[in-house]
């Protein structure tokens, strides 16, 4: 057994024996499903054991998944060891509007990750020091990554002033056009920006008038 295999084996054994975890595997990745009340202790122990990188906190909405039974959401924690190279996923299943304990006391890096899950899925994290939206505007109703969020042709506005127009964005994704996005700071590389072009034209006009 390699060092990576040993680390992963010992971690799974600990989570099952001490915290009541249930092991699973999907696409070659090992995950352990835990009760939400044990997630803080789980990440504390895994970090001490050598999983020193919190790579991501994400969520799954199962509401439109064929044949799914159980809670609507799963919060997923992606923890990695750099040496030896391996990773483990923790899963916590929750119903709609059910709180999950924030792991920010154990891992400050979780702060922005949990805010993103809260914003896009509407899953609250109890004990988070600053739980508020991260990506979408404050006045946007709903959570865009929920399966029941209405899809339409409304331009999407982000807090930093950028917006995506559905038709031109789709053209860029399909490769039929380079795409266009509004951006307060002007054009990004490979992207046309109407605001950037207009600002440049204004500067030329004002310069010639002077």
N, C-alpha and C. Protein backbone atom coordinates (compact mmCIF):
# COMPACT_ATOMS: atom_id res chain seq x y z
N UNK A 1 0.84 -1.19 0.00
CA UNK A 1 0.00 0.00 0.00
C UNK A 1 0.88 1.25 0.00
N UNK A 2 0.61 2.16 -0.93
CA UNK A 2 1.41 3.38 -1.02
C UNK A 2 1.07 4.32 0.13
N UNK A 3 1.90 5.37 0.27
CA UNK A 3 1.66 6.34 1.33
C UNK A 3 0.32 7.05 1.16
N UNK A 4 -0.04 7.35 -0.09
CA UNK A 4 -1.32 8.01 -0.36
C UNK A 4 -2.48 7.09 -0.02
N UNK A 5 -2.37 5.83 -0.41
CA UNK A 5 -3.42 4.86 -0.11
C UNK A 5 -3.57 4.65 1.39
N UNK A 6 -2.44 4.62 2.10
CA UNK A 6 -2.47 4.45 3.54
C UNK A 6 -3.13 5.64 4.22
N UNK A 7 -2.80 6.84 3.78
CA UNK A 7 -3.39 8.05 4.37
C UNK A 7 -4.90 8.05 4.17
N UNK A 8 -5.33 7.74 2.96
CA UNK A 8 -6.76 7.73 2.66
C UNK A 8 -7.48 6.63 3.44
N UNK A 9 -6.88 5.46 3.49
CA UNK A 9 -7.48 4.34 4.23
C UNK A 9 -7.65 4.69 5.70
N UNK A 10 -6.60 5.25 6.30
CA UNK A 10 -6.66 5.59 7.72
C UNK A 10 -7.71 6.68 7.98
N UNK A 11 -7.82 7.63 7.05
CA UNK A 11 -8.80 8.71 7.21
C UNK A 11 -10.23 8.17 7.16
N UNK A 12 -10.50 7.31 6.20
CA UNK A 12 -11.83 6.73 6.07
C UNK A 12 -12.16 5.87 7.28
N UNK A 13 -11.20 5.08 7.73
CA UNK A 13 -11.41 4.23 8.90
C UNK A 13 -11.75 5.07 10.13
N UNK A 14 -11.04 6.18 10.32
CA UNK A 14 -11.30 7.06 11.45
C UNK A 14 -12.69 7.68 11.36
N UNK A 15 -13.07 8.15 10.18
CA UNK A 15 -14.37 8.79 10.01
C UNK A 15 -15.52 7.81 10.24
N UNK A 16 -15.31 6.57 9.82
CA UNK A 16 -16.36 5.56 10.02
C UNK A 16 -16.44 5.13 11.48
N UNK A 17 -15.31 4.86 12.09
CA UNK A 17 -15.29 4.31 13.45
C UNK A 17 -15.65 5.35 14.51
N UNK A 18 -15.13 6.57 14.35
CA UNK A 18 -15.29 7.58 15.40
C UNK A 18 -16.46 8.53 15.17
N UNK A 19 -16.81 8.78 13.91
CA UNK A 19 -17.82 9.80 13.62
C UNK A 19 -19.04 9.26 12.87
N UNK A 20 -19.11 7.95 12.72
CA UNK A 20 -20.28 7.35 12.09
C UNK A 20 -20.41 7.59 10.61
N UNK A 21 -19.31 7.84 9.93
CA UNK A 21 -19.35 8.11 8.50
C UNK A 21 -19.64 6.87 7.68
N UNK A 22 -20.13 7.09 6.48
CA UNK A 22 -20.43 5.99 5.55
C UNK A 22 -19.66 6.22 4.26
N UNK A 23 -18.79 5.27 3.94
CA UNK A 23 -17.92 5.41 2.77
C UNK A 23 -18.69 5.13 1.48
N UNK A 24 -18.29 5.85 0.42
CA UNK A 24 -18.80 5.60 -0.91
C UNK A 24 -17.73 5.95 -1.92
N UNK A 25 -17.97 5.63 -3.16
CA UNK A 25 -16.99 5.94 -4.21
C UNK A 25 -17.73 6.28 -5.49
N UNK A 26 -17.24 7.28 -6.20
CA UNK A 26 -17.84 7.68 -7.47
C UNK A 26 -16.75 8.19 -8.39
N UNK A 27 -16.68 7.62 -9.57
CA UNK A 27 -15.67 8.01 -10.57
C UNK A 27 -14.25 7.91 -10.00
N UNK A 28 -14.03 6.93 -9.14
CA UNK A 28 -12.70 6.72 -8.59
C UNK A 28 -12.35 7.58 -7.40
N UNK A 29 -13.25 8.47 -7.00
CA UNK A 29 -13.01 9.34 -5.84
C UNK A 29 -13.76 8.82 -4.62
N UNK A 30 -13.09 8.78 -3.49
CA UNK A 30 -13.69 8.29 -2.26
C UNK A 30 -14.38 9.44 -1.53
N UNK A 31 -15.61 9.18 -1.10
CA UNK A 31 -16.31 10.17 -0.28
C UNK A 31 -16.87 9.49 0.96
N UNK A 32 -17.05 10.30 2.00
CA UNK A 32 -17.61 9.80 3.26
C UNK A 32 -18.77 10.71 3.63
N UNK A 33 -19.95 10.13 3.81
CA UNK A 33 -21.14 10.88 4.20
C UNK A 33 -21.23 10.92 5.71
N UNK A 34 -21.42 12.13 6.24
CA UNK A 34 -21.43 12.35 7.68
C UNK A 34 -22.71 13.07 8.11
N UNK A 35 -23.05 12.94 9.37
CA UNK A 35 -24.07 13.79 9.96
C UNK A 35 -23.52 15.20 10.06
N UNK A 36 -24.37 16.19 9.85
CA UNK A 36 -23.88 17.57 9.83
C UNK A 36 -23.24 17.99 11.15
N UNK A 37 -23.67 17.40 12.25
CA UNK A 37 -23.13 17.80 13.55
C UNK A 37 -21.69 17.35 13.75
N UNK A 38 -21.20 16.46 12.90
CA UNK A 38 -19.83 15.96 13.06
C UNK A 38 -18.86 16.57 12.05
N UNK A 39 -19.34 17.45 11.16
CA UNK A 39 -18.49 17.91 10.07
C UNK A 39 -17.31 18.75 10.58
N UNK A 40 -17.53 19.54 11.61
CA UNK A 40 -16.43 20.35 12.14
C UNK A 40 -15.32 19.48 12.70
N UNK A 41 -15.69 18.48 13.46
CA UNK A 41 -14.70 17.57 14.03
C UNK A 41 -14.00 16.79 12.94
N UNK A 42 -14.75 16.43 11.89
CA UNK A 42 -14.17 15.67 10.79
C UNK A 42 -13.08 16.47 10.08
N UNK A 43 -13.37 17.72 9.74
CA UNK A 43 -12.34 18.50 9.03
C UNK A 43 -11.17 18.83 9.93
N UNK A 44 -11.43 19.00 11.23
CA UNK A 44 -10.32 19.25 12.17
C UNK A 44 -9.37 18.05 12.19
N UNK A 45 -9.93 16.86 12.28
CA UNK A 45 -9.10 15.65 12.33
C UNK A 45 -8.39 15.39 11.00
N UNK A 46 -9.08 15.62 9.90
CA UNK A 46 -8.45 15.39 8.61
C UNK A 46 -7.30 16.36 8.37
N UNK A 47 -7.47 17.58 8.79
CA UNK A 47 -6.38 18.55 8.63
C UNK A 47 -5.17 18.14 9.46
N UNK A 48 -5.41 17.69 10.67
CA UNK A 48 -4.31 17.24 11.53
C UNK A 48 -3.65 15.99 10.96
N UNK A 49 -4.42 15.19 10.23
CA UNK A 49 -3.89 13.94 9.68
C UNK A 49 -3.06 14.14 8.42
N UNK A 50 -3.15 15.34 7.79
CA UNK A 50 -2.35 15.60 6.61
C UNK A 50 -3.10 16.14 5.41
N UNK A 51 -4.41 16.26 5.52
CA UNK A 51 -5.19 16.87 4.45
C UNK A 51 -5.19 18.39 4.68
N UNK A 52 -4.09 19.01 4.25
CA UNK A 52 -3.85 20.40 4.63
C UNK A 52 -4.47 21.42 3.70
N UNK A 53 -5.11 20.99 2.61
CA UNK A 53 -5.69 21.91 1.64
C UNK A 53 -7.20 21.72 1.56
N UNK A 54 -7.94 22.78 1.87
CA UNK A 54 -9.38 22.79 1.62
C UNK A 54 -9.56 23.33 0.21
N UNK A 55 -9.77 22.41 -0.75
CA UNK A 55 -9.82 22.78 -2.15
C UNK A 55 -11.14 23.42 -2.54
N UNK A 56 -12.24 22.99 -1.90
CA UNK A 56 -13.53 23.53 -2.32
C UNK A 56 -14.61 23.15 -1.32
N UNK A 57 -15.63 23.98 -1.27
CA UNK A 57 -16.90 23.64 -0.63
C UNK A 57 -17.97 23.89 -1.68
N UNK A 58 -18.75 22.89 -1.99
CA UNK A 58 -19.74 23.01 -3.07
C UNK A 58 -21.03 22.32 -2.64
N UNK A 59 -22.01 22.31 -3.53
CA UNK A 59 -23.29 21.69 -3.19
C UNK A 59 -23.91 21.03 -4.41
N UNK A 60 -24.82 20.11 -4.16
CA UNK A 60 -25.58 19.42 -5.20
C UNK A 60 -27.06 19.55 -4.87
N UNK A 61 -27.85 19.93 -5.87
CA UNK A 61 -29.30 19.94 -5.73
C UNK A 61 -29.84 18.71 -6.46
N UNK A 62 -30.39 17.77 -5.69
CA UNK A 62 -30.84 16.51 -6.25
C UNK A 62 -32.30 16.55 -6.72
N UNK A 63 -32.96 17.70 -6.63
CA UNK A 63 -34.40 17.74 -6.82
C UNK A 63 -34.87 17.28 -8.19
N UNK A 64 -34.02 17.39 -9.20
CA UNK A 64 -34.40 16.95 -10.54
C UNK A 64 -33.65 15.69 -10.97
N UNK A 65 -32.99 15.03 -10.02
CA UNK A 65 -32.20 13.85 -10.35
C UNK A 65 -33.08 12.62 -10.35
N UNK A 66 -33.12 11.87 -11.44
CA UNK A 66 -34.02 10.71 -11.54
C UNK A 66 -33.75 9.67 -10.45
N UNK A 67 -34.80 9.28 -9.76
CA UNK A 67 -34.70 8.21 -8.78
C UNK A 67 -34.09 8.59 -7.45
N UNK A 68 -33.76 9.88 -7.26
CA UNK A 68 -33.13 10.25 -5.99
C UNK A 68 -34.13 10.19 -4.85
N UNK A 69 -33.69 9.66 -3.73
CA UNK A 69 -34.48 9.63 -2.51
C UNK A 69 -33.65 10.20 -1.38
N UNK A 70 -34.29 10.97 -0.52
CA UNK A 70 -33.56 11.55 0.60
C UNK A 70 -33.58 13.06 0.55
N UNK A 71 -32.66 13.68 1.28
CA UNK A 71 -32.63 15.13 1.37
C UNK A 71 -32.37 15.78 0.01
N UNK A 72 -32.82 17.01 -0.11
CA UNK A 72 -32.70 17.70 -1.40
C UNK A 72 -31.26 18.06 -1.73
N UNK A 73 -30.50 18.50 -0.73
CA UNK A 73 -29.16 19.02 -1.00
C UNK A 73 -28.07 18.16 -0.36
N UNK A 74 -26.90 18.20 -0.97
CA UNK A 74 -25.69 17.65 -0.38
C UNK A 74 -24.60 18.71 -0.43
N UNK A 75 -24.04 19.03 0.72
CA UNK A 75 -22.88 19.93 0.77
C UNK A 75 -21.64 19.04 0.71
N UNK A 76 -20.71 19.39 -0.18
CA UNK A 76 -19.53 18.56 -0.42
C UNK A 76 -18.27 19.35 -0.08
N UNK A 77 -17.39 18.74 0.70
CA UNK A 77 -16.12 19.34 1.08
C UNK A 77 -15.00 18.55 0.40
N UNK A 78 -14.16 19.25 -0.33
CA UNK A 78 -13.06 18.63 -1.06
C UNK A 78 -11.76 18.95 -0.33
N UNK A 79 -11.19 17.95 0.35
CA UNK A 79 -9.95 18.12 1.10
C UNK A 79 -8.84 17.34 0.42
N UNK A 80 -7.67 17.95 0.35
CA UNK A 80 -6.56 17.32 -0.37
C UNK A 80 -5.29 17.30 0.47
N UNK A 81 -4.50 16.27 0.23
CA UNK A 81 -3.14 16.17 0.77
C UNK A 81 -2.18 16.41 -0.39
N UNK A 82 -1.20 17.25 -0.17
CA UNK A 82 -0.24 17.58 -1.22
C UNK A 82 0.90 16.56 -1.27
N UNK A 83 1.33 16.08 -0.10
CA UNK A 83 2.39 15.08 -0.06
C UNK A 83 2.11 14.12 1.09
N UNK A 84 1.65 12.90 0.78
CA UNK A 84 1.43 12.33 -0.55
C UNK A 84 0.17 12.88 -1.21
N UNK A 85 0.13 12.82 -2.52
CA UNK A 85 -0.99 13.40 -3.27
C UNK A 85 -2.20 12.49 -3.19
N UNK A 86 -3.25 12.97 -2.53
CA UNK A 86 -4.52 12.26 -2.48
C UNK A 86 -5.59 13.23 -2.02
N UNK A 87 -6.84 12.84 -2.13
CA UNK A 87 -7.92 13.70 -1.68
C UNK A 87 -9.07 12.86 -1.15
N UNK A 88 -9.92 13.52 -0.37
CA UNK A 88 -11.10 12.87 0.17
C UNK A 88 -12.25 13.88 0.13
N UNK A 89 -13.44 13.38 -0.14
CA UNK A 89 -14.62 14.23 -0.18
C UNK A 89 -15.52 13.90 1.01
N UNK A 90 -15.96 14.92 1.71
CA UNK A 90 -16.94 14.75 2.77
C UNK A 90 -18.29 15.22 2.25
N UNK A 91 -19.35 14.50 2.62
CA UNK A 91 -20.70 14.85 2.19
C UNK A 91 -21.61 15.02 3.41
N UNK A 92 -22.43 16.06 3.35
CA UNK A 92 -23.44 16.29 4.39
C UNK A 92 -24.77 16.54 3.69
N UNK A 93 -25.76 15.72 3.96
CA UNK A 93 -27.08 15.84 3.33
C UNK A 93 -28.00 16.70 4.18
N UNK A 94 -28.70 17.65 3.54
CA UNK A 94 -29.59 18.55 4.26
C UNK A 94 -30.84 18.83 3.43
N UNK A 95 -31.91 19.17 4.13
CA UNK A 95 -33.13 19.58 3.47
C UNK A 95 -33.09 21.08 3.18
N UNK A 96 -34.07 21.55 2.44
CA UNK A 96 -34.14 22.96 2.09
C UNK A 96 -34.25 23.81 3.36
N UNK A 97 -33.45 24.89 3.41
CA UNK A 97 -33.41 25.84 4.52
C UNK A 97 -32.82 25.26 5.81
N UNK A 98 -32.31 24.05 5.76
CA UNK A 98 -31.66 23.47 6.94
C UNK A 98 -30.24 23.99 7.05
N UNK A 99 -29.85 24.39 8.25
CA UNK A 99 -28.51 24.95 8.46
C UNK A 99 -27.45 23.86 8.54
N UNK A 100 -26.27 24.22 8.08
CA UNK A 100 -25.09 23.36 8.22
C UNK A 100 -24.07 24.13 9.05
N UNK A 101 -23.43 23.50 10.02
CA UNK A 101 -22.42 24.22 10.80
C UNK A 101 -21.29 24.74 9.91
N UNK A 102 -20.95 26.00 10.08
CA UNK A 102 -19.83 26.55 9.32
C UNK A 102 -18.53 25.95 9.83
N UNK A 103 -17.62 25.66 8.89
CA UNK A 103 -16.31 25.14 9.30
C UNK A 103 -15.26 26.25 9.34
N UNK A 104 -15.70 27.51 9.31
CA UNK A 104 -14.73 28.61 9.39
C UNK A 104 -13.93 28.61 10.69
N UNK A 105 -14.47 28.14 11.83
CA UNK A 105 -13.62 28.07 13.02
C UNK A 105 -12.45 27.11 12.84
N UNK A 106 -12.62 26.10 12.01
CA UNK A 106 -11.56 25.13 11.76
C UNK A 106 -10.72 25.52 10.53
N UNK A 107 -11.34 26.28 9.59
CA UNK A 107 -10.67 26.60 8.34
C UNK A 107 -11.17 27.95 7.84
N UNK A 108 -10.39 29.00 8.04
CA UNK A 108 -10.83 30.33 7.62
C UNK A 108 -11.07 30.42 6.12
N UNK A 109 -10.36 29.60 5.37
CA UNK A 109 -10.51 29.62 3.91
C UNK A 109 -11.92 29.23 3.48
N UNK A 110 -12.68 28.61 4.36
CA UNK A 110 -14.05 28.21 4.01
C UNK A 110 -14.99 29.41 3.93
N UNK A 111 -14.56 30.56 4.41
CA UNK A 111 -15.45 31.72 4.47
C UNK A 111 -16.09 32.08 3.15
N UNK A 112 -15.27 32.30 2.12
CA UNK A 112 -15.80 32.68 0.81
C UNK A 112 -16.50 31.50 0.15
N UNK A 113 -16.00 30.28 0.35
CA UNK A 113 -16.61 29.11 -0.27
C UNK A 113 -18.04 28.90 0.25
N UNK A 114 -18.22 29.03 1.56
CA UNK A 114 -19.56 28.87 2.14
C UNK A 114 -20.48 30.01 1.70
N UNK A 115 -19.95 31.20 1.56
CA UNK A 115 -20.78 32.31 1.08
C UNK A 115 -21.27 32.05 -0.35
N UNK A 116 -20.42 31.45 -1.18
CA UNK A 116 -20.82 31.14 -2.55
C UNK A 116 -21.94 30.10 -2.57
N UNK A 117 -21.82 29.06 -1.74
CA UNK A 117 -22.86 28.04 -1.65
C UNK A 117 -24.16 28.66 -1.13
N UNK A 118 -24.05 29.53 -0.14
CA UNK A 118 -25.22 30.21 0.41
C UNK A 118 -25.91 31.06 -0.66
N UNK A 119 -25.13 31.77 -1.44
CA UNK A 119 -25.66 32.65 -2.47
C UNK A 119 -26.33 31.85 -3.59
N UNK A 120 -25.66 30.84 -4.11
CA UNK A 120 -26.11 30.15 -5.30
C UNK A 120 -27.08 29.01 -5.02
N UNK A 121 -27.05 28.44 -3.80
CA UNK A 121 -27.96 27.34 -3.46
C UNK A 121 -28.94 27.69 -2.34
N UNK A 122 -28.64 28.74 -1.58
CA UNK A 122 -29.52 29.11 -0.47
C UNK A 122 -29.35 28.26 0.76
N UNK A 123 -28.21 27.59 0.92
CA UNK A 123 -27.96 26.77 2.10
C UNK A 123 -27.25 27.62 3.15
N UNK A 124 -27.86 27.84 4.32
CA UNK A 124 -27.24 28.67 5.35
C UNK A 124 -26.20 27.90 6.17
N UNK A 125 -25.17 28.62 6.61
CA UNK A 125 -24.11 28.01 7.42
C UNK A 125 -24.11 28.65 8.80
N UNK A 126 -24.51 27.89 9.79
CA UNK A 126 -24.61 28.39 11.16
C UNK A 126 -23.22 28.69 11.71
N UNK A 127 -23.08 29.88 12.29
CA UNK A 127 -21.81 30.27 12.88
C UNK A 127 -20.85 30.95 11.93
N UNK A 128 -21.27 31.16 10.68
CA UNK A 128 -20.39 31.87 9.73
C UNK A 128 -20.27 33.33 10.17
N UNK A 129 -19.07 33.90 10.17
CA UNK A 129 -18.89 35.26 10.69
C UNK A 129 -19.44 36.37 9.80
N UNK A 130 -19.71 36.08 8.53
CA UNK A 130 -20.15 37.15 7.62
C UNK A 130 -20.95 36.53 6.47
N UNK A 131 -22.05 35.88 6.79
CA UNK A 131 -22.82 35.14 5.79
C UNK A 131 -23.70 36.10 4.99
N UNK A 132 -23.26 36.41 3.79
CA UNK A 132 -24.01 37.26 2.87
C UNK A 132 -23.65 36.86 1.45
N UNK A 133 -24.37 37.42 0.49
CA UNK A 133 -24.15 37.05 -0.89
C UNK A 133 -22.71 37.35 -1.32
N UNK A 134 -22.26 36.57 -2.29
CA UNK A 134 -20.89 36.75 -2.78
C UNK A 134 -20.85 37.08 -4.26
N UNK A 135 -21.76 36.50 -5.05
CA UNK A 135 -21.69 36.61 -6.51
C UNK A 135 -22.83 37.45 -7.08
N UNK A 136 -24.05 37.18 -6.67
CA UNK A 136 -25.21 37.82 -7.30
C UNK A 136 -25.59 39.12 -6.59
N UNK A 137 -26.34 39.99 -7.27
CA UNK A 137 -26.76 41.25 -6.65
C UNK A 137 -27.66 41.01 -5.44
N UNK A 138 -27.65 41.96 -4.51
CA UNK A 138 -28.44 41.82 -3.29
C UNK A 138 -29.93 41.74 -3.57
N UNK A 139 -30.38 42.37 -4.65
CA UNK A 139 -31.81 42.38 -4.91
C UNK A 139 -32.28 41.21 -5.79
N UNK A 140 -31.38 40.30 -6.15
CA UNK A 140 -31.79 39.13 -6.93
C UNK A 140 -32.55 38.16 -6.03
N UNK A 141 -33.73 37.77 -6.45
CA UNK A 141 -34.53 36.82 -5.69
C UNK A 141 -34.24 35.40 -6.18
N UNK A 142 -34.03 34.51 -5.24
CA UNK A 142 -33.76 33.13 -5.59
C UNK A 142 -32.27 32.81 -5.62
N UNK A 143 -31.98 31.56 -5.94
CA UNK A 143 -30.60 31.06 -5.93
C UNK A 143 -30.34 30.36 -7.26
N UNK A 144 -29.46 30.92 -8.10
CA UNK A 144 -29.32 30.49 -9.50
C UNK A 144 -28.95 29.04 -9.74
N UNK A 145 -28.31 28.36 -8.79
CA UNK A 145 -27.92 26.97 -9.03
C UNK A 145 -28.93 25.96 -8.49
N UNK A 146 -30.04 26.44 -7.98
CA UNK A 146 -31.12 25.52 -7.64
C UNK A 146 -31.81 25.07 -8.93
N UNK A 147 -32.23 23.82 -8.95
CA UNK A 147 -32.82 23.27 -10.16
C UNK A 147 -34.14 23.94 -10.53
N UNK A 148 -34.82 24.56 -9.57
CA UNK A 148 -36.09 25.20 -9.87
C UNK A 148 -35.96 26.70 -10.15
N UNK A 149 -34.70 27.18 -10.26
CA UNK A 149 -34.51 28.59 -10.58
C UNK A 149 -34.91 28.83 -12.04
N UNK A 150 -35.76 29.81 -12.30
CA UNK A 150 -36.24 30.03 -13.68
C UNK A 150 -35.11 30.48 -14.61
N UNK A 151 -35.05 29.85 -15.78
CA UNK A 151 -34.08 30.22 -16.79
C UNK A 151 -34.75 31.09 -17.83
N UNK A 152 -34.09 32.14 -18.24
CA UNK A 152 -34.67 33.03 -19.23
C UNK A 152 -33.60 33.77 -19.98
N UNK A 153 -34.00 34.80 -20.68
CA UNK A 153 -33.08 35.58 -21.50
C UNK A 153 -32.83 36.94 -20.89
N UNK A 154 -32.75 36.98 -19.57
CA UNK A 154 -32.48 38.24 -18.88
C UNK A 154 -30.99 38.40 -18.66
N UNK A 155 -30.40 39.55 -19.04
CA UNK A 155 -28.97 39.75 -18.79
C UNK A 155 -28.64 39.59 -17.31
N UNK A 156 -27.54 38.91 -17.02
CA UNK A 156 -27.13 38.65 -15.65
C UNK A 156 -26.15 39.70 -15.20
N UNK A 157 -26.50 40.41 -14.12
CA UNK A 157 -25.65 41.47 -13.58
C UNK A 157 -24.91 40.95 -12.36
N UNK A 158 -23.60 41.24 -12.30
CA UNK A 158 -22.79 40.84 -11.16
C UNK A 158 -22.40 42.07 -10.36
N UNK A 159 -22.01 41.85 -9.11
CA UNK A 159 -21.74 42.96 -8.20
C UNK A 159 -20.63 43.88 -8.66
N UNK A 160 -19.66 43.36 -9.43
CA UNK A 160 -18.53 44.20 -9.81
C UNK A 160 -18.83 45.06 -11.04
N UNK A 161 -20.07 45.04 -11.52
CA UNK A 161 -20.42 45.88 -12.65
C UNK A 161 -20.43 45.14 -13.97
N UNK A 162 -20.00 43.89 -13.99
CA UNK A 162 -19.98 43.10 -15.22
C UNK A 162 -21.35 42.52 -15.47
N UNK A 163 -21.71 42.37 -16.72
CA UNK A 163 -22.97 41.70 -17.02
C UNK A 163 -22.79 40.83 -18.25
N UNK A 164 -23.58 39.77 -18.32
CA UNK A 164 -23.55 38.87 -19.46
C UNK A 164 -24.88 38.94 -20.19
N UNK A 165 -24.83 39.22 -21.48
CA UNK A 165 -26.03 39.20 -22.30
C UNK A 165 -26.19 37.79 -22.86
N UNK A 166 -27.34 37.14 -22.65
CA UNK A 166 -27.48 35.72 -23.02
C UNK A 166 -27.16 35.41 -24.47
N UNK A 167 -27.68 36.20 -25.41
CA UNK A 167 -27.50 35.88 -26.83
C UNK A 167 -26.04 35.94 -27.25
N UNK A 168 -25.35 37.02 -26.88
CA UNK A 168 -23.96 37.17 -27.29
C UNK A 168 -23.05 36.22 -26.52
N UNK A 169 -23.39 35.97 -25.25
CA UNK A 169 -22.60 35.01 -24.48
C UNK A 169 -22.72 33.62 -25.08
N UNK A 170 -23.91 33.24 -25.47
CA UNK A 170 -24.13 31.93 -26.08
C UNK A 170 -23.37 31.80 -27.39
N UNK A 171 -23.34 32.90 -28.18
CA UNK A 171 -22.60 32.88 -29.43
C UNK A 171 -21.11 32.65 -29.18
N UNK A 172 -20.60 33.27 -28.12
CA UNK A 172 -19.20 33.06 -27.78
C UNK A 172 -18.92 31.64 -27.35
N UNK A 173 -19.83 31.04 -26.58
CA UNK A 173 -19.65 29.66 -26.13
C UNK A 173 -19.68 28.69 -27.29
N UNK A 174 -20.49 28.99 -28.31
CA UNK A 174 -20.61 28.11 -29.46
C UNK A 174 -19.48 28.31 -30.48
N UNK A 175 -18.69 29.36 -30.28
CA UNK A 175 -17.57 29.61 -31.18
C UNK A 175 -17.92 30.36 -32.43
N UNK A 176 -19.19 30.80 -32.54
CA UNK A 176 -19.59 31.55 -33.73
C UNK A 176 -19.28 33.03 -33.62
N UNK A 177 -18.85 33.46 -32.44
CA UNK A 177 -18.48 34.85 -32.22
C UNK A 177 -17.54 34.89 -31.02
N UNK A 178 -16.74 35.92 -30.92
CA UNK A 178 -15.82 36.01 -29.78
C UNK A 178 -16.56 36.33 -28.50
N UNK A 179 -17.81 36.71 -28.61
CA UNK A 179 -18.59 37.01 -27.41
C UNK A 179 -18.42 38.45 -26.98
N UNK A 180 -19.37 38.92 -26.24
CA UNK A 180 -19.31 40.30 -25.76
C UNK A 180 -19.81 40.34 -24.33
N UNK A 181 -19.14 41.11 -23.54
CA UNK A 181 -19.57 41.28 -22.16
C UNK A 181 -19.41 42.73 -21.77
N UNK A 182 -20.29 43.21 -20.94
CA UNK A 182 -20.12 44.55 -20.41
C UNK A 182 -19.15 44.50 -19.25
N UNK A 183 -18.24 45.45 -19.20
CA UNK A 183 -17.22 45.45 -18.13
C UNK A 183 -16.82 46.88 -17.85
N UNK A 184 -16.97 47.29 -16.61
CA UNK A 184 -16.70 48.68 -16.26
C UNK A 184 -15.26 49.05 -16.58
N UNK A 185 -14.35 48.10 -16.42
CA UNK A 185 -12.94 48.39 -16.64
C UNK A 185 -12.49 48.28 -18.08
N UNK A 186 -13.40 48.06 -19.00
CA UNK A 186 -13.00 47.93 -20.40
C UNK A 186 -12.93 46.48 -20.83
N UNK A 187 -12.32 46.24 -21.97
CA UNK A 187 -12.35 44.90 -22.56
C UNK A 187 -11.28 44.00 -21.94
N UNK A 188 -11.64 42.74 -21.72
CA UNK A 188 -10.67 41.73 -21.36
C UNK A 188 -10.07 41.16 -22.64
N UNK A 189 -8.98 40.45 -22.53
CA UNK A 189 -8.31 39.89 -23.70
C UNK A 189 -9.25 38.97 -24.47
N UNK A 190 -9.40 39.21 -25.75
CA UNK A 190 -10.22 38.36 -26.59
C UNK A 190 -11.70 38.61 -26.50
N UNK A 191 -12.11 39.67 -25.80
CA UNK A 191 -13.53 39.96 -25.62
C UNK A 191 -13.80 41.41 -26.00
N UNK A 192 -14.84 41.64 -26.80
CA UNK A 192 -15.22 42.99 -27.16
C UNK A 192 -16.04 43.62 -26.04
N UNK A 193 -15.84 44.87 -25.79
CA UNK A 193 -16.59 45.57 -24.76
C UNK A 193 -17.11 46.89 -25.32
N UNK A 194 -18.41 47.05 -25.35
CA UNK A 194 -18.98 48.29 -25.85
C UNK A 194 -18.57 49.47 -24.97
N UNK A 195 -18.53 49.24 -23.64
CA UNK A 195 -18.16 50.32 -22.75
C UNK A 195 -16.71 50.75 -22.98
N UNK A 196 -15.83 49.76 -23.20
CA UNK A 196 -14.44 50.11 -23.46
C UNK A 196 -14.28 50.89 -24.75
N UNK A 197 -15.02 50.50 -25.78
CA UNK A 197 -14.94 51.20 -27.06
C UNK A 197 -15.47 52.61 -26.94
N UNK A 198 -16.59 52.78 -26.25
CA UNK A 198 -17.19 54.11 -26.08
C UNK A 198 -16.28 55.03 -25.27
N UNK A 199 -15.64 54.47 -24.23
CA UNK A 199 -14.74 55.28 -23.42
C UNK A 199 -13.55 55.76 -24.25
N UNK A 200 -13.01 54.86 -25.09
CA UNK A 200 -11.88 55.25 -25.95
C UNK A 200 -12.29 56.33 -26.93
N UNK A 201 -13.50 56.22 -27.49
CA UNK A 201 -13.97 57.23 -28.43
C UNK A 201 -14.16 58.58 -27.75
N UNK A 202 -14.64 58.57 -26.52
CA UNK A 202 -14.80 59.82 -25.77
C UNK A 202 -13.45 60.48 -25.52
N UNK A 203 -12.47 59.67 -25.17
CA UNK A 203 -11.14 60.23 -24.91
C UNK A 203 -10.56 60.86 -26.17
N UNK A 204 -10.75 60.19 -27.31
CA UNK A 204 -10.25 60.76 -28.58
C UNK A 204 -10.95 62.06 -28.90
N UNK A 205 -12.29 62.11 -28.69
CA UNK A 205 -13.05 63.31 -28.98
C UNK A 205 -12.66 64.47 -28.08
N UNK A 206 -12.54 64.16 -26.80
CA UNK A 206 -12.15 65.22 -25.83
C UNK A 206 -10.74 65.71 -26.12
N UNK A 207 -9.87 64.80 -26.53
CA UNK A 207 -8.49 65.19 -26.84
C UNK A 207 -8.41 66.08 -28.06
N UNK A 208 -9.22 65.81 -29.08
CA UNK A 208 -9.19 66.64 -30.29
C UNK A 208 -9.80 68.01 -30.04
N UNK A 209 -10.79 68.09 -29.15
CA UNK A 209 -11.40 69.38 -28.82
C UNK A 209 -10.45 70.27 -28.06
N UNK A 210 -9.57 69.64 -27.27
CA UNK A 210 -8.61 70.44 -26.50
C UNK A 210 -7.58 71.05 -27.45
